[in-house]
Amino acid sequence: MTINWNDFEKVDIRVGTILEVNDFPQARKPAFKLVIDFGAETGIKKSSAQITVHYKKEDLLNRQVIAVVNFPPKQIGTFISECLVLGVYDDHKDVVLLQPGNAVSNGSKIG
């Protein structure tokens, strides 16, 4: 499916820094609950991320990630996910996070 530029502009993709990482034992697939700071304009949002294969909780703290921040909230078990952290699948279908190559301000817009 092809989209046009106007479709792409509707997707709000921003950089944020992970402030908290918690286990999510109620998730169907292994996941962490993340609390991410997207800066003053977007604020702090929560996300569930299936990233337990390549990342330990302590390695995720203060890591910058890239996420879609304008999806509607989604209930995942007892948790409300407010953004979608972006990654790519490796050869084993495990997620590798997308992140900026250099530190940038939280809330920086991708486009």
PDB file of N, CA and C in Angstrom:
ATOM      1  N   MET A   1       0.845  -1.175   0.000  1.00  0.00           N
ATOM      2  CA  MET A   1       0.000   0.000   0.000  1.00  0.00           C
ATOM      3  C   MET A   1       0.889   1.236   0.000  1.00  0.00           C
ATOM      4  N   THR A   2       0.551   2.171  -0.832  1.00  0.00           N
ATOM      5  CA  THR A   2       1.259   3.443  -0.913  1.00  0.00           C
ATOM      6  C   THR A   2       0.476   4.498  -0.151  1.00  0.00           C
ATOM      7  N   ILE A   3       1.198   5.331   0.598  1.00  0.00           N
ATOM      8  CA  ILE A   3       0.557   6.460   1.266  1.00  0.00           C
ATOM      9  C   ILE A   3       1.108   7.742   0.654  1.00  0.00           C
ATOM     10  N   ASN A   4       0.409   8.829   0.871  1.00  0.00           N
ATOM     11  CA  ASN A   4       0.919  10.102   0.371  1.00  0.00           C
ATOM     12  C   ASN A   4       1.542  10.897   1.519  1.00  0.00           C
ATOM     13  N   TRP A   5       2.146  12.012   1.185  1.00  0.00           N
ATOM     14  CA  TRP A   5       2.852  12.821   2.185  1.00  0.00           C
ATOM     15  C   TRP A   5       1.908  13.277   3.296  1.00  0.00           C
ATOM     16  N   ASN A   6       0.675  13.629   2.947  1.00  0.00           N
ATOM     17  CA  ASN A   6      -0.286  14.065   3.962  1.00  0.00           C
ATOM     18  C   ASN A   6      -0.565  12.967   4.975  1.00  0.00           C
ATOM     19  N   ASP A   7      -0.610  11.705   4.520  1.00  0.00           N
ATOM     20  CA  ASP A   7      -0.797  10.582   5.445  1.00  0.00           C
ATOM     21  C   ASP A   7       0.379  10.495   6.408  1.00  0.00           C
ATOM     22  N   PHE A   8       1.589  10.590   5.886  1.00  0.00           N
ATOM     23  CA  PHE A   8       2.788  10.495   6.721  1.00  0.00           C
ATOM     24  C   PHE A   8       2.826  11.620   7.763  1.00  0.00           C
ATOM     25  N   GLU A   9       2.433  12.814   7.361  1.00  0.00           N
ATOM     26  CA  GLU A   9       2.468  13.958   8.280  1.00  0.00           C
ATOM     27  C   GLU A   9       1.533  13.788   9.471  1.00  0.00           C
ATOM     28  N   LYS A  10       0.543  12.920   9.365  1.00  0.00           N
ATOM     29  CA  LYS A  10      -0.391  12.677  10.473  1.00  0.00           C
ATOM     30  C   LYS A  10       0.254  11.863  11.592  1.00  0.00           C
ATOM     31  N   VAL A  11       1.319  11.142  11.286  1.00  0.00           N
ATOM     32  CA  VAL A  11       1.986  10.301  12.281  1.00  0.00           C
ATOM     33  C   VAL A  11       2.993  11.156  13.044  1.00  0.00           C
ATOM     34  N   ASP A  12       2.800  11.270  14.353  1.00  0.00           N
ATOM     35  CA  ASP A  12       3.677  12.074  15.202  1.00  0.00           C
ATOM     36  C   ASP A  12       4.723  11.149  15.832  1.00  0.00           C
ATOM     37  N   ILE A  13       5.929  11.181  15.300  1.00  0.00           N
ATOM     38  CA  ILE A  13       7.018  10.323  15.766  1.00  0.00           C
ATOM     39  C   ILE A  13       8.033  11.207  16.471  1.00  0.00           C
ATOM     40  N   ARG A  14       8.331  10.856  17.720  1.00  0.00           N
ATOM     41  CA  ARG A  14       9.206  11.706  18.540  1.00  0.00           C
ATOM     42  C   ARG A  14      10.239  10.878  19.295  1.00  0.00           C
ATOM     43  N   VAL A  15      11.264  11.580  19.744  1.00  0.00           N
ATOM     44  CA  VAL A  15      12.316  10.980  20.562  1.00  0.00           C
ATOM     45  C   VAL A  15      11.975  11.221  22.027  1.00  0.00           C
ATOM     46  N   GLY A  16      12.170  10.186  22.838  1.00  0.00           N
ATOM     47  CA  GLY A  16      11.967  10.307  24.277  1.00  0.00           C
ATOM     48  C   GLY A  16      13.012   9.513  25.031  1.00  0.00           C
ATOM     49  N   THR A  17      13.124   9.804  26.320  1.00  0.00           N
ATOM     50  CA  THR A  17      14.076   9.111  27.186  1.00  0.00           C
ATOM     51  C   THR A  17      13.320   8.253  28.189  1.00  0.00           C
ATOM     52  N   ILE A  18      13.731   6.999  28.307  1.00  0.00           N
ATOM     53  CA  ILE A  18      13.078   6.069  29.235  1.00  0.00           C
ATOM     54  C   ILE A  18      13.445   6.446  30.671  1.00  0.00           C
ATOM     55  N   LEU A  19      12.414   6.712  31.482  1.00  0.00           N
ATOM     56  CA  LEU A  19      12.593   7.085  32.885  1.00  0.00           C
ATOM     57  C   LEU A  19      12.431   5.904  33.832  1.00  0.00           C
ATOM     58  N   GLU A  20      11.539   4.974  33.473  1.00  0.00           N
ATOM     59  CA  GLU A  20      11.246   3.810  34.324  1.00  0.00           C
ATOM     60  C   GLU A  20      11.056   2.588  33.451  1.00  0.00           C
ATOM     61  N   VAL A  21      11.477   1.437  33.982  1.00  0.00           N
ATOM     62  CA  VAL A  21      11.266   0.150  33.323  1.00  0.00           C
ATOM     63  C   VAL A  21      10.772  -0.820  34.379  1.00  0.00           C
ATOM     64  N   ASN A  22       9.643  -1.445  34.114  1.00  0.00           N
ATOM     65  CA  ASN A  22       9.069  -2.403  35.052  1.00  0.00           C
ATOM     66  C   ASN A  22       8.699  -3.690  34.331  1.00  0.00           C
ATOM     67  N   ASP A  23       8.764  -4.798  35.051  1.00  0.00           N
ATOM     68  CA  ASP A  23       8.321  -6.071  34.495  1.00  0.00           C
ATOM     69  C   ASP A  23       6.826  -6.003  34.212  1.00  0.00           C
ATOM     70  N   PHE A  24       6.368  -6.828  33.284  1.00  0.00           N
ATOM     71  CA  PHE A  24       4.959  -6.880  32.921  1.00  0.00           C
ATOM     72  C   PHE A  24       4.551  -8.353  32.835  1.00  0.00           C
ATOM     73  N   PRO A  25       4.452  -9.024  34.004  1.00  0.00           N
ATOM     74  CA  PRO A  25       4.169 -10.460  34.003  1.00  0.00           C
ATOM     75  C   PRO A  25       2.785 -10.819  33.465  1.00  0.00           C
ATOM     76  N   GLN A  26       1.851  -9.866  33.421  1.00  0.00           N
ATOM     77  CA  GLN A  26       0.504 -10.156  32.924  1.00  0.00           C
ATOM     78  C   GLN A  26       0.433 -10.167  31.393  1.00  0.00           C
ATOM     79  N   ALA A  27       1.458  -9.697  30.707  1.00  0.00           N
ATOM     80  CA  ALA A  27       1.455  -9.654  29.247  1.00  0.00           C
ATOM     81  C   ALA A  27       1.495 -11.071  28.676  1.00  0.00           C
ATOM     82  N   ARG A  28       0.822 -11.263  27.527  1.00  0.00           N
ATOM     83  CA  ARG A  28       0.811 -12.584  26.884  1.00  0.00           C
ATOM     84  C   ARG A  28       2.203 -12.980  26.412  1.00  0.00           C
ATOM     85  N   LYS A  29       2.958 -12.024  25.867  1.00  0.00           N
ATOM     86  CA  LYS A  29       4.339 -12.253  25.458  1.00  0.00           C
ATOM     87  C   LYS A  29       5.225 -11.438  26.381  1.00  0.00           C
ATOM     88  N   PRO A  30       6.450 -11.905  26.676  1.00  0.00           N
ATOM     89  CA  PRO A  30       7.325 -11.157  27.586  1.00  0.00           C
ATOM     90  C   PRO A  30       7.483  -9.700  27.144  1.00  0.00           C
ATOM     91  N   ALA A  31       7.286  -8.795  28.103  1.00  0.00           N
ATOM     92  CA  ALA A  31       7.336  -7.363  27.805  1.00  0.00           C
ATOM     93  C   ALA A  31       7.742  -6.584  29.047  1.00  0.00           C
ATOM     94  N   PHE A  32       8.137  -5.347  28.807  1.00  0.00           N
ATOM     95  CA  PHE A  32       8.391  -4.393  29.880  1.00  0.00           C
ATOM     96  C   PHE A  32       7.359  -3.278  29.789  1.00  0.00           C
ATOM     97  N   LYS A  33       7.036  -2.686  30.948  1.00  0.00           N
ATOM     98  CA  LYS A  33       6.268  -1.446  30.997  1.00  0.00           C
ATOM     99  C   LYS A  33       7.289  -0.313  31.054  1.00  0.00           C
ATOM    100  N   LEU A  34       7.167   0.636  30.142  1.00  0.00           N
ATOM    101  CA  LEU A  34       8.097   1.759  30.077  1.00  0.00           C
ATOM    102  C   LEU A  34       7.390   3.064  30.402  1.00  0.00           C
ATOM    103  N   VAL A  35       8.097   3.969  31.072  1.00  0.00           N
ATOM    104  CA  VAL A  35       7.645   5.343  31.269  1.00  0.00           C
ATOM    105  C   VAL A  35       8.674   6.204  30.539  1.00  0.00           C
ATOM    106  N   ILE A  36       8.196   7.009  29.575  1.00  0.00           N
ATOM    107  CA  ILE A  36       9.087   7.720  28.667  1.00  0.00           C
ATOM    108  C   ILE A  36       8.792   9.217  28.688  1.00  0.00           C
ATOM    109  N   ASP A  37       9.842  10.022  28.791  1.00  0.00           N
ATOM    110  CA  ASP A  37       9.723  11.478  28.774  1.00  0.00           C
ATOM    111  C   ASP A  37       9.918  11.983  27.344  1.00  0.00           C
ATOM    112  N   PHE A  38       8.849  12.575  26.780  1.00  0.00           N
ATOM    113  CA  PHE A  38       8.902  13.123  25.430  1.00  0.00           C
ATOM    114  C   PHE A  38       8.986  14.647  25.426  1.00  0.00           C
ATOM    115  N   GLY A  39       9.447  15.239  26.503  1.00  0.00           N
ATOM    116  CA  GLY A  39       9.630  16.685  26.553  1.00  0.00           C
ATOM    117  C   GLY A  39       8.361  17.424  26.927  1.00  0.00           C
ATOM    118  N   ALA A  40       8.491  18.750  27.014  1.00  0.00           N
ATOM    119  CA  ALA A  40       7.415  19.596  27.539  1.00  0.00           C
ATOM    120  C   ALA A  40       6.138  19.542  26.693  1.00  0.00           C
ATOM    121  N   GLU A  41       6.260  19.523  25.380  1.00  0.00           N
ATOM    122  CA  GLU A  41       5.079  19.580  24.524  1.00  0.00           C
ATOM    123  C   GLU A  41       4.235  18.303  24.599  1.00  0.00           C
ATOM    124  N   THR A  42       4.882  17.153  24.590  1.00  0.00           N
ATOM    125  CA  THR A  42       4.169  15.868  24.566  1.00  0.00           C
ATOM    126  C   THR A  42       4.030  15.268  25.958  1.00  0.00           C
ATOM    127  N   GLY A  43       4.991  15.510  26.821  1.00  0.00           N
ATOM    128  CA  GLY A  43       4.927  15.030  28.198  1.00  0.00           C
ATOM    129  C   GLY A  43       5.418  13.603  28.365  1.00  0.00           C
ATOM    130  N   ILE A  44       5.002  13.009  29.462  1.00  0.00           N
ATOM    131  CA  ILE A  44       5.415  11.653  29.822  1.00  0.00           C
ATOM    132  C   ILE A  44       4.325  10.683  29.402  1.00  0.00           C
ATOM    133  N   LYS A  45       4.732   9.605  28.741  1.00  0.00           N
ATOM    134  CA  LYS A  45       3.784   8.588  28.276  1.00  0.00           C
ATOM    135  C   LYS A  45       4.286   7.210  28.683  1.00  0.00           C
ATOM    136  N   LYS A  46       3.340   6.264  28.762  1.00  0.00           N
ATOM    137  CA  LYS A  46       3.646   4.877  29.106  1.00  0.00           C
ATOM    138  C   LYS A  46       3.518   4.003  27.871  1.00  0.00           C
ATOM    139  N   SER A  47       4.316   2.942  27.838  1.00  0.00           N
ATOM    140  CA  SER A  47       4.245   2.008  26.722  1.00  0.00           C
ATOM    141  C   SER A  47       4.587   0.605  27.203  1.00  0.00           C
ATOM    142  N   SER A  48       3.984  -0.377  26.571  1.00  0.00           N
ATOM    143  CA  SER A  48       4.359  -1.768  26.763  1.00  0.00           C
ATOM    144  C   SER A  48       5.223  -2.151  25.568  1.00  0.00           C
ATOM    145  N   ALA A  49       6.377  -2.757  25.824  1.00  0.00           N
ATOM    146  CA  ALA A  49       7.285  -3.090  24.728  1.00  0.00           C
ATOM    147  C   ALA A  49       7.828  -4.504  24.896  1.00  0.00           C
ATOM    148  N   GLN A  50       7.710  -5.290  23.834  1.00  0.00           N
ATOM    149  CA  GLN A  50       8.207  -6.663  23.826  1.00  0.00           C
ATOM    150  C   GLN A  50       9.682  -6.650  23.416  1.00  0.00           C
ATOM    151  N   ILE A  51      10.519  -6.212  24.344  1.00  0.00           N
ATOM    152  CA  ILE A  51      11.943  -6.020  24.049  1.00  0.00           C
ATOM    153  C   ILE A  51      12.832  -6.747  25.055  1.00  0.00           C
ATOM    154  N   THR A  52      12.304  -7.800  25.657  1.00  0.00           N
ATOM    155  CA  THR A  52      13.018  -8.475  26.745  1.00  0.00           C
ATOM    156  C   THR A  52      14.164  -9.364  26.280  1.00  0.00           C
ATOM    157  N   VAL A  53      14.236  -9.693  25.000  1.00  0.00           N
ATOM    158  CA  VAL A  53      15.308 -10.573  24.526  1.00  0.00           C
ATOM    159  C   VAL A  53      16.644  -9.835  24.453  1.00  0.00           C
ATOM    160  N   HIS A  54      16.635  -8.637  23.881  1.00  0.00           N
ATOM    161  CA  HIS A  54      17.885  -7.901  23.653  1.00  0.00           C
ATOM    162  C   HIS A  54      18.227  -6.894  24.746  1.00  0.00           C
ATOM    163  N   TYR A  55      17.306  -6.633  25.680  1.00  0.00           N
ATOM    164  CA  TYR A  55      17.519  -5.562  26.649  1.00  0.00           C
ATOM    165  C   TYR A  55      17.195  -6.012  28.066  1.00  0.00           C
ATOM    166  N   LYS A  56      18.009  -5.552  29.006  1.00  0.00           N
ATOM    167  CA  LYS A  56      17.745  -5.728  30.432  1.00  0.00           C
ATOM    168  C   LYS A  56      17.181  -4.414  30.949  1.00  0.00           C
ATOM    169  N   LYS A  57      16.423  -4.487  32.020  1.00  0.00           N
ATOM    170  CA  LYS A  57      15.795  -3.279  32.570  1.00  0.00           C
ATOM    171  C   LYS A  57      16.824  -2.180  32.824  1.00  0.00           C
ATOM    172  N   GLU A  58      17.932  -2.540  33.448  1.00  0.00           N
ATOM    173  CA  GLU A  58      18.923  -1.521  33.814  1.00  0.00           C
ATOM    174  C   GLU A  58      19.592  -0.900  32.577  1.00  0.00           C
ATOM    175  N   ASP A  59      19.636  -1.622  31.460  1.00  0.00           N
ATOM    176  CA  ASP A  59      20.224  -1.080  30.236  1.00  0.00           C
ATOM    177  C   ASP A  59      19.283  -0.106  29.527  1.00  0.00           C
ATOM    178  N   LEU A  60      18.004  -0.187  29.831  1.00  0.00           N
ATOM    179  CA  LEU A  60      17.017   0.670  29.173  1.00  0.00           C
ATOM    180  C   LEU A  60      16.869   2.027  29.849  1.00  0.00           C
ATOM    181  N   LEU A  61      17.178   2.116  31.132  1.00  0.00           N
ATOM    182  CA  LEU A  61      17.036   3.390  31.842  1.00  0.00           C
ATOM    183  C   LEU A  61      17.894   4.461  31.189  1.00  0.00           C
ATOM    184  N   ASN A  62      17.307   5.616  30.963  1.00  0.00           N
ATOM    185  CA  ASN A  62      17.955   6.782  30.366  1.00  0.00           C
ATOM    186  C   ASN A  62      18.331   6.598  28.899  1.00  0.00           C
ATOM    187  N   ARG A  63      17.848   5.544  28.257  1.00  0.00           N
ATOM    188  CA  ARG A  63      18.089   5.321  26.833  1.00  0.00           C
ATOM    189  C   ARG A  63      17.059   6.119  26.032  1.00  0.00           C
ATOM    190  N   GLN A  64      17.500   6.752  24.970  1.00  0.00           N
ATOM    191  CA  GLN A  64      16.567   7.438  24.090  1.00  0.00           C
ATOM    192  C   GLN A  64      15.987   6.442  23.086  1.00  0.00           C
ATOM    193  N   VAL A  65      14.692   6.589  22.843  1.00  0.00           N
ATOM    194  CA  VAL A  65      13.974   5.736  21.895  1.00  0.00           C
ATOM    195  C   VAL A  65      13.142   6.612  20.978  1.00  0.00           C
ATOM    196  N   ILE A  66      12.631   6.003  19.929  1.00  0.00           N
ATOM    197  CA  ILE A  66      11.768   6.683  18.966  1.00  0.00           C
ATOM    198  C   ILE A  66      10.397   6.020  19.042  1.00  0.00           C
ATOM    199  N   ALA A  67       9.347   6.846  19.114  1.00  0.00           N
ATOM    200  CA  ALA A  67       8.003   6.289  19.284  1.00  0.00           C
ATOM    201  C   ALA A  67       6.960   7.125  18.560  1.00  0.00           C
ATOM    202  N   VAL A  68       5.873   6.456  18.186  1.00  0.00           N
ATOM    203  CA  VAL A  68       4.682   7.144  17.680  1.00  0.00           C
ATOM    204  C   VAL A  68       3.891   7.570  18.914  1.00  0.00           C
ATOM    205  N   VAL A  69       3.617   8.873  19.027  1.00  0.00           N
ATOM    206  CA  VAL A  69       2.988   9.384  20.250  1.00  0.00           C
ATOM    207  C   VAL A  69       1.538   9.819  20.053  1.00  0.00           C
ATOM    208  N   ASN A  70       0.978   9.668  18.847  1.00  0.00           N
ATOM    209  CA  ASN A  70      -0.402  10.127  18.652  1.00  0.00           C
ATOM    210  C   ASN A  70      -1.379   9.013  18.293  1.00  0.00           C
ATOM    211  N   PHE A  71      -1.051   7.773  18.647  1.00  0.00           N
ATOM    212  CA  PHE A  71      -2.045   6.710  18.580  1.00  0.00           C
ATOM    213  C   PHE A  71      -2.983   6.851  19.774  1.00  0.00           C
ATOM    214  N   PRO A  72      -4.222   6.382  19.662  1.00  0.00           N
ATOM    215  CA  PRO A  72      -5.080   6.389  20.849  1.00  0.00           C
ATOM    216  C   PRO A  72      -4.544   5.388  21.876  1.00  0.00           C
ATOM    217  N   PRO A  73      -4.806   5.614  23.157  1.00  0.00           N
ATOM    218  CA  PRO A  73      -4.365   4.653  24.183  1.00  0.00           C
ATOM    219  C   PRO A  73      -4.914   3.261  23.889  1.00  0.00           C
ATOM    220  N   LYS A  74      -4.104   2.250  24.204  1.00  0.00           N
ATOM    221  CA  LYS A  74      -4.504   0.868  23.960  1.00  0.00           C
ATOM    222  C   LYS A  74      -4.355   0.079  25.249  1.00  0.00           C
ATOM    223  N   GLN A  75      -5.419  -0.616  25.625  1.00  0.00           N
ATOM    224  CA  GLN A  75      -5.364  -1.438  26.830  1.00  0.00           C
ATOM    225  C   GLN A  75      -4.697  -2.770  26.511  1.00  0.00           C
ATOM    226  N   ILE A  76      -3.665  -3.087  27.284  1.00  0.00           N
ATOM    227  CA  ILE A  76      -2.954  -4.360  27.158  1.00  0.00           C
ATOM    228  C   ILE A  76      -3.015  -5.001  28.543  1.00  0.00           C
ATOM    229  N   GLY A  77      -3.925  -5.928  28.715  1.00  0.00           N
ATOM    230  CA  GLY A  77      -4.150  -6.509  30.042  1.00  0.00           C
ATOM    231  C   GLY A  77      -4.648  -5.431  30.982  1.00  0.00           C
ATOM    232  N   THR A  78      -3.943  -5.223  32.078  1.00  0.00           N
ATOM    233  CA  THR A  78      -4.327  -4.214  33.069  1.00  0.00           C
ATOM    234  C   THR A  78      -3.629  -2.883  32.826  1.00  0.00           C
ATOM    235  N   PHE A  79      -2.887  -2.775  31.747  1.00  0.00           N
ATOM    236  CA  PHE A  79      -2.023  -1.627  31.475  1.00  0.00           C
ATOM    237  C   PHE A  79      -2.554  -0.841  30.277  1.00  0.00           C
ATOM    238  N   ILE A  80      -2.465   0.488  30.333  1.00  0.00           N
ATOM    239  CA  ILE A  80      -2.834   1.341  29.215  1.00  0.00           C
ATOM    240  C   ILE A  80      -1.549   1.845  28.558  1.00  0.00           C
ATOM    241  N   SER A  81      -1.334   1.433  27.302  1.00  0.00           N
ATOM    242  CA  SER A  81      -0.172   1.877  26.537  1.00  0.00           C
ATOM    243  C   SER A  81      -0.552   3.139  25.776  1.00  0.00           C
ATOM    244  N   GLU A  82       0.259   4.193  25.908  1.00  0.00           N
ATOM    245  CA  GLU A  82      -0.068   5.503  25.339  1.00  0.00           C
ATOM    246  C   GLU A  82       0.761   5.864  24.111  1.00  0.00           C
ATOM    247  N   CYS A  83       1.743   5.041  23.780  1.00  0.00           N
ATOM    248  CA  CYS A  83       2.575   5.310  22.612  1.00  0.00           C
ATOM    249  C   CYS A  83       3.148   3.987  22.113  1.00  0.00           C
ATOM    250  N   LEU A  84       3.665   3.994  20.886  1.00  0.00           N
ATOM    251  CA  LEU A  84       4.244   2.797  20.295  1.00  0.00           C
ATOM    252  C   LEU A  84       5.737   3.021  20.088  1.00  0.00           C
ATOM    253  N   VAL A  85       6.545   2.336  20.890  1.00  0.00           N
ATOM    254  CA  VAL A  85       7.995   2.404  20.748  1.00  0.00           C
ATOM    255  C   VAL A  85       8.370   1.623  19.490  1.00  0.00           C
ATOM    256  N   LEU A  86       9.208   2.211  18.645  1.00  0.00           N
ATOM    257  CA  LEU A  86       9.528   1.618  17.359  1.00  0.00           C
ATOM    258  C   LEU A  86      10.810   0.790  17.405  1.00  0.00           C
ATOM    259  N   GLY A  87      10.791  -0.286  16.644  1.00  0.00           N
ATOM    260  CA  GLY A  87      11.954  -1.146  16.527  1.00  0.00           C
ATOM    261  C   GLY A  87      11.867  -1.949  15.249  1.00  0.00           C
ATOM    262  N   VAL A  88      12.892  -2.724  15.002  1.00  0.00           N
ATOM    263  CA  VAL A  88      12.912  -3.621  13.852  1.00  0.00           C
ATOM    264  C   VAL A  88      13.081  -5.041  14.366  1.00  0.00           C
ATOM    265  N   TYR A  89      12.582  -5.996  13.591  1.00  0.00           N
ATOM    266  CA  TYR A  89      12.719  -7.398  13.972  1.00  0.00           C
ATOM    267  C   TYR A  89      14.050  -7.940  13.463  1.00  0.00           C
ATOM    268  N   ASP A  90      14.740  -8.675  14.334  1.00  0.00           N
ATOM    269  CA  ASP A  90      15.950  -9.358  13.905  1.00  0.00           C
ATOM    270  C   ASP A  90      15.574 -10.668  13.209  1.00  0.00           C
ATOM    271  N   ASP A  91      16.551 -11.484  12.889  1.00  0.00           N
ATOM    272  CA  ASP A  91      16.298 -12.740  12.168  1.00  0.00           C
ATOM    273  C   ASP A  91      15.443 -13.725  12.952  1.00  0.00           C
ATOM    274  N   HIS A  92      15.348 -13.528  14.286  1.00  0.00           N
ATOM    275  CA  HIS A  92      14.560 -14.428  15.135  1.00  0.00           C
ATOM    276  C   HIS A  92      13.228 -13.808  15.533  1.00  0.00           C
ATOM    277  N   LYS A  93      12.871 -12.694  14.901  1.00  0.00           N
ATOM    278  CA  LYS A  93      11.615 -11.968  15.171  1.00  0.00           C
ATOM    279  C   LYS A  93      11.592 -11.313  16.550  1.00  0.00           C
ATOM    280  N   ASP A  94      12.789 -11.011  17.095  1.00  0.00           N
ATOM    281  CA  ASP A  94      12.899 -10.260  18.348  1.00  0.00           C
ATOM    282  C   ASP A  94      13.175  -8.801  18.009  1.00  0.00           C
ATOM    283  N   VAL A  95      12.663  -7.877  18.830  1.00  0.00           N
ATOM    284  CA  VAL A  95      12.710  -6.453  18.519  1.00  0.00           C
ATOM    285  C   VAL A  95      14.037  -5.825  18.934  1.00  0.00           C
ATOM    286  N   VAL A  96      14.595  -5.044  18.006  1.00  0.00           N
ATOM    287  CA  VAL A  96      15.760  -4.196  18.250  1.00  0.00           C
ATOM    288  C   VAL A  96      15.262  -2.761  18.148  1.00  0.00           C
ATOM    289  N   LEU A  97      15.455  -1.975  19.202  1.00  0.00           N
ATOM    290  CA  LEU A  97      14.918  -0.615  19.253  1.00  0.00           C
ATOM    291  C   LEU A  97      15.555   0.321  18.240  1.00  0.00           C
ATOM    292  N   LEU A  98      14.731   1.228  17.706  1.00  0.00           N
ATOM    293  CA  LEU A  98      15.254   2.348  16.925  1.00  0.00           C
ATOM    294  C   LEU A  98      15.619   3.444  17.910  1.00  0.00           C
ATOM    295  N   GLN A  99      16.742   4.096  17.663  1.00  0.00           N
ATOM    296  CA  GLN A  99      17.162   5.188  18.546  1.00  0.00           C
ATOM    297  C   GLN A  99      18.024   6.154  17.759  1.00  0.00           C
ATOM    298  N   PRO A 100      18.092   7.412  18.199  1.00  0.00           N
ATOM    299  CA  PRO A 100      18.942   8.368  17.486  1.00  0.00           C
ATOM    300  C   PRO A 100      20.413   7.985  17.651  1.00  0.00           C
ATOM    301  N   GLY A 101      21.212   8.319  16.639  1.00  0.00           N
ATOM    302  CA  GLY A 101      22.640   8.041  16.694  1.00  0.00           C
ATOM    303  C   GLY A 101      23.383   8.929  17.676  1.00  0.00           C
ATOM    304  N   ASN A 102      22.840  10.108  17.942  1.00  0.00           N
ATOM    305  CA  ASN A 102      23.396  11.057  18.910  1.00  0.00           C
ATOM    306  C   ASN A 102      22.282  11.502  19.831  1.00  0.00           C
ATOM    307  N   ALA A 103      22.648  11.952  21.018  1.00  0.00           N
ATOM    308  CA  ALA A 103      21.639  12.455  21.952  1.00  0.00           C
ATOM    309  C   ALA A 103      20.980  13.702  21.361  1.00  0.00           C
ATOM    310  N   VAL A 104      19.657  13.758  21.467  1.00  0.00           N
ATOM    311  CA  VAL A 104      18.878  14.912  21.017  1.00  0.00           C
ATOM    312  C   VAL A 104      17.892  15.271  22.112  1.00  0.00           C
ATOM    313  N   SER A 105      17.250  16.398  21.975  1.00  0.00           N
ATOM    314  CA  SER A 105      16.285  16.843  22.986  1.00  0.00           C
ATOM    315  C   SER A 105      15.060  15.942  22.965  1.00  0.00           C
ATOM    316  N   ASN A 106      14.559  15.615  24.169  1.00  0.00           N
ATOM    317  CA  ASN A 106      13.302  14.871  24.264  1.00  0.00           C
ATOM    318  C   ASN A 106      12.211  15.656  23.556  1.00  0.00           C
ATOM    319  N   GLY A 107      11.400  14.941  22.809  1.00  0.00           N
ATOM    320  CA  GLY A 107      10.320  15.583  22.066  1.00  0.00           C
ATOM    321  C   GLY A 107      10.705  15.962  20.647  1.00  0.00           C
ATOM    322  N   SER A 108      11.989  15.761  20.286  1.00  0.00           N
ATOM    323  CA  SER A 108      12.397  16.071  18.907  1.00  0.00           C
ATOM    324  C   SER A 108      11.528  15.255  17.965  1.00  0.00           C
ATOM    325  N   LYS A 109      11.040  15.931  16.914  1.00  0.00           N
ATOM    326  CA  LYS A 109      10.110  15.309  15.976  1.00  0.00           C
ATOM    327  C   LYS A 109      10.882  14.674  14.828  1.00  0.00           C
ATOM    328  N   ILE A 110      10.454  13.467  14.461  1.00  0.00           N
ATOM    329  CA  ILE A 110      11.022  12.758  13.325  1.00  0.00           C
ATOM    330  C   ILE A 110      10.211  13.151  12.099  1.00  0.00           C
ATOM    331  N   GLY A 111      10.864  13.395  11.007  1.00  0.00           N
ATOM    332  CA  GLY A 111      10.099  13.749   9.824  1.00  0.00           C
ATOM    333  C   GLY A 111      10.990  13.894   8.624  1.00  0.00           C
TER     334      GLY A 111
END
